[in-house]
Amino acid sequence: MSDDAALAPVLSVGLLWISFHCVGMCGPIVGGVVGGRASSVPRAVVGRLLSELGRPTTRATLGAVAGTLGATSKTSASAAFAP
């Protein structure tokens, strides 16, 4: 089994767990904040969905930036200390 094939089930379970974790932990907070200001049920649902999608999108973007910076610094450091 290749490394990519072994990683797919782990990634799938991780993404599923993160979804339930975020909804369970932060959902009530977001529901209270967004639902308290919304004038109708559809607005509250849309606001909550946007919040639930925004958080992982932001984290993924910040993770990509950190990974890029880490890869760049690793390349620079190895080039600086090469014999």
C-alpha atoms as a PDB file:
ATOM      1  CA  MET A   1       0.000   0.000   0.000  1.00  0.00           C
ATOM      2  CA  SER A   2       1.449   3.381  -0.950  1.00  0.00           C
ATOM      3  CA  ASP A   3       1.812   6.209   1.529  1.00  0.00           C
ATOM      4  CA  ASP A   4      -0.897   8.235  -0.217  1.00  0.00           C
ATOM      5  CA  ALA A   5      -3.376   5.364  -0.073  1.00  0.00           C
ATOM      6  CA  ALA A   6      -2.685   4.879   3.637  1.00  0.00           C
ATOM      7  CA  LEU A   7      -3.132   8.581   4.321  1.00  0.00           C
ATOM      8  CA  ALA A   8      -6.596   8.866   2.726  1.00  0.00           C
ATOM      9  CA  PRO A   9      -8.563   7.038   5.480  1.00  0.00           C
ATOM     10  CA  VAL A  10      -6.738   8.958   8.194  1.00  0.00           C
ATOM     11  CA  LEU A  11      -7.502  12.267   6.497  1.00  0.00           C
ATOM     12  CA  SER A  12     -11.143  11.304   6.008  1.00  0.00           C
ATOM     13  CA  VAL A  13     -11.645  10.357   9.647  1.00  0.00           C
ATOM     14  CA  GLY A  14      -9.794  13.489  10.764  1.00  0.00           C
ATOM     15  CA  LEU A  15     -11.951  15.786   8.669  1.00  0.00           C
ATOM     16  CA  LEU A  16     -15.106  14.064   9.867  1.00  0.00           C
ATOM     17  CA  TRP A  17     -14.007  14.358  13.507  1.00  0.00           C
ATOM     18  CA  ILE A  18     -13.087  18.036  13.097  1.00  0.00           C
ATOM     19  CA  SER A  19     -16.524  18.777  11.643  1.00  0.00           C
ATOM     20  CA  PHE A  20     -18.367  17.226  14.578  1.00  0.00           C
ATOM     21  CA  HIS A  21     -15.951  18.716  17.074  1.00  0.00           C
ATOM     22  CA  CYS A  22     -16.344  22.261  15.741  1.00  0.00           C
ATOM     23  CA  VAL A  23     -20.115  22.067  15.528  1.00  0.00           C
ATOM     24  CA  GLY A  24     -20.360  20.621  19.030  1.00  0.00           C
ATOM     25  CA  MET A  25     -17.905  22.954  20.708  1.00  0.00           C
ATOM     26  CA  CYS A  26     -18.414  26.249  18.883  1.00  0.00           C
ATOM     27  CA  GLY A  27     -21.857  25.756  17.368  1.00  0.00           C
ATOM     28  CA  PRO A  28     -23.785  26.909  20.445  1.00  0.00           C
ATOM     29  CA  ILE A  29     -21.627  30.026  20.735  1.00  0.00           C
ATOM     30  CA  VAL A  30     -22.068  30.906  17.080  1.00  0.00           C
ATOM     31  CA  GLY A  31     -25.769  30.100  17.264  1.00  0.00           C
ATOM     32  CA  GLY A  32     -26.191  32.457  20.187  1.00  0.00           C
ATOM     33  CA  VAL A  33     -24.283  35.282  18.561  1.00  0.00           C
ATOM     34  CA  VAL A  34     -25.669  34.933  15.042  1.00  0.00           C
ATOM     35  CA  GLY A  35     -29.137  33.754  16.036  1.00  0.00           C
ATOM     36  CA  GLY A  36     -29.583  36.599  18.492  1.00  0.00           C
ATOM     37  CA  ARG A  37     -29.033  39.205  15.784  1.00  0.00           C
ATOM     38  CA  ALA A  38     -30.840  37.526  12.904  1.00  0.00           C
ATOM     39  CA  SER A  39     -34.307  38.754  12.056  1.00  0.00           C
ATOM     40  CA  SER A  40     -35.412  35.460  10.511  1.00  0.00           C
ATOM     41  CA  VAL A  41     -34.601  31.770  10.596  1.00  0.00           C
ATOM     42  CA  PRO A  42     -33.042  31.657   7.072  1.00  0.00           C
ATOM     43  CA  ARG A  43     -30.706  34.539   7.988  1.00  0.00           C
ATOM     44  CA  ALA A  44     -29.665  32.725  11.158  1.00  0.00           C
ATOM     45  CA  VAL A  45     -28.979  29.517   9.225  1.00  0.00           C
ATOM     46  CA  VAL A  46     -26.949  31.313   6.563  1.00  0.00           C
ATOM     47  CA  GLY A  47     -24.980  33.200   9.208  1.00  0.00           C
ATOM     48  CA  ARG A  48     -24.199  30.026  11.078  1.00  0.00           C
ATOM     49  CA  LEU A  49     -23.161  28.175   7.912  1.00  0.00           C
ATOM     50  CA  LEU A  50     -20.860  31.016   6.913  1.00  0.00           C
ATOM     51  CA  SER A  51     -19.284  30.984  10.350  1.00  0.00           C
ATOM     52  CA  GLU A  52     -18.847  27.199  10.318  1.00  0.00           C
ATOM     53  CA  LEU A  53     -17.220  27.358   6.865  1.00  0.00           C
ATOM     54  CA  GLY A  54     -15.105  30.416   7.645  1.00  0.00           C
ATOM     55  CA  ARG A  55     -13.283  28.933  10.616  1.00  0.00           C
ATOM     56  CA  PRO A  56     -11.758  25.885   8.845  1.00  0.00           C
ATOM     57  CA  THR A  57     -11.066  27.961   5.737  1.00  0.00           C
ATOM     58  CA  THR A  58      -9.131  30.473   7.823  1.00  0.00           C
ATOM     59  CA  ARG A  59      -7.236  27.731   9.648  1.00  0.00           C
ATOM     60  CA  ALA A  60      -6.369  25.960   6.392  1.00  0.00           C
ATOM     61  CA  THR A  61      -5.115  29.205   4.871  1.00  0.00           C
ATOM     62  CA  LEU A  62      -3.004  30.029   7.913  1.00  0.00           C
ATOM     63  CA  GLY A  63      -1.679  26.453   7.932  1.00  0.00           C
ATOM     64  CA  ALA A  64      -0.700  26.726   4.277  1.00  0.00           C
ATOM     65  CA  VAL A  65       1.116  29.999   4.962  1.00  0.00           C
ATOM     66  CA  ALA A  66       2.931  28.473   7.959  1.00  0.00           C
ATOM     67  CA  GLY A  67       3.839  25.384   5.922  1.00  0.00           C
ATOM     68  CA  THR A  68       5.177  27.496   3.094  1.00  0.00           C
ATOM     69  CA  LEU A  69       7.244  29.586   5.486  1.00  0.00           C
ATOM     70  CA  GLY A  70       8.529  26.432   7.173  1.00  0.00           C
ATOM     71  CA  ALA A  71       9.490  24.820   3.889  1.00  0.00           C
ATOM     72  CA  THR A  72      11.219  28.005   2.757  1.00  0.00           C
ATOM     73  CA  SER A  73      13.157  28.362   5.986  1.00  0.00           C
ATOM     74  CA  LYS A  74      14.180  24.684   5.908  1.00  0.00           C
ATOM     75  CA  THR A  75      15.480  25.078   2.367  1.00  0.00           C
ATOM     76  CA  SER A  76      17.322  28.281   3.282  1.00  0.00           C
ATOM     77  CA  ALA A  77      18.814  26.771   6.440  1.00  0.00           C
ATOM     78  CA  SER A  78      20.028  23.633   4.664  1.00  0.00           C
ATOM     79  CA  ALA A  79      21.588  25.741   1.910  1.00  0.00           C
ATOM     80  CA  ALA A  80      23.341  27.957   4.457  1.00  0.00           C
ATOM     81  CA  PHE A  81      24.897  25.014   6.299  1.00  0.00           C
ATOM     82  CA  ALA A  82      25.762  22.889   3.272  1.00  0.00           C
ATOM     83  CA  PRO A  83      29.470  21.997   3.075  1.00  0.00           C
END
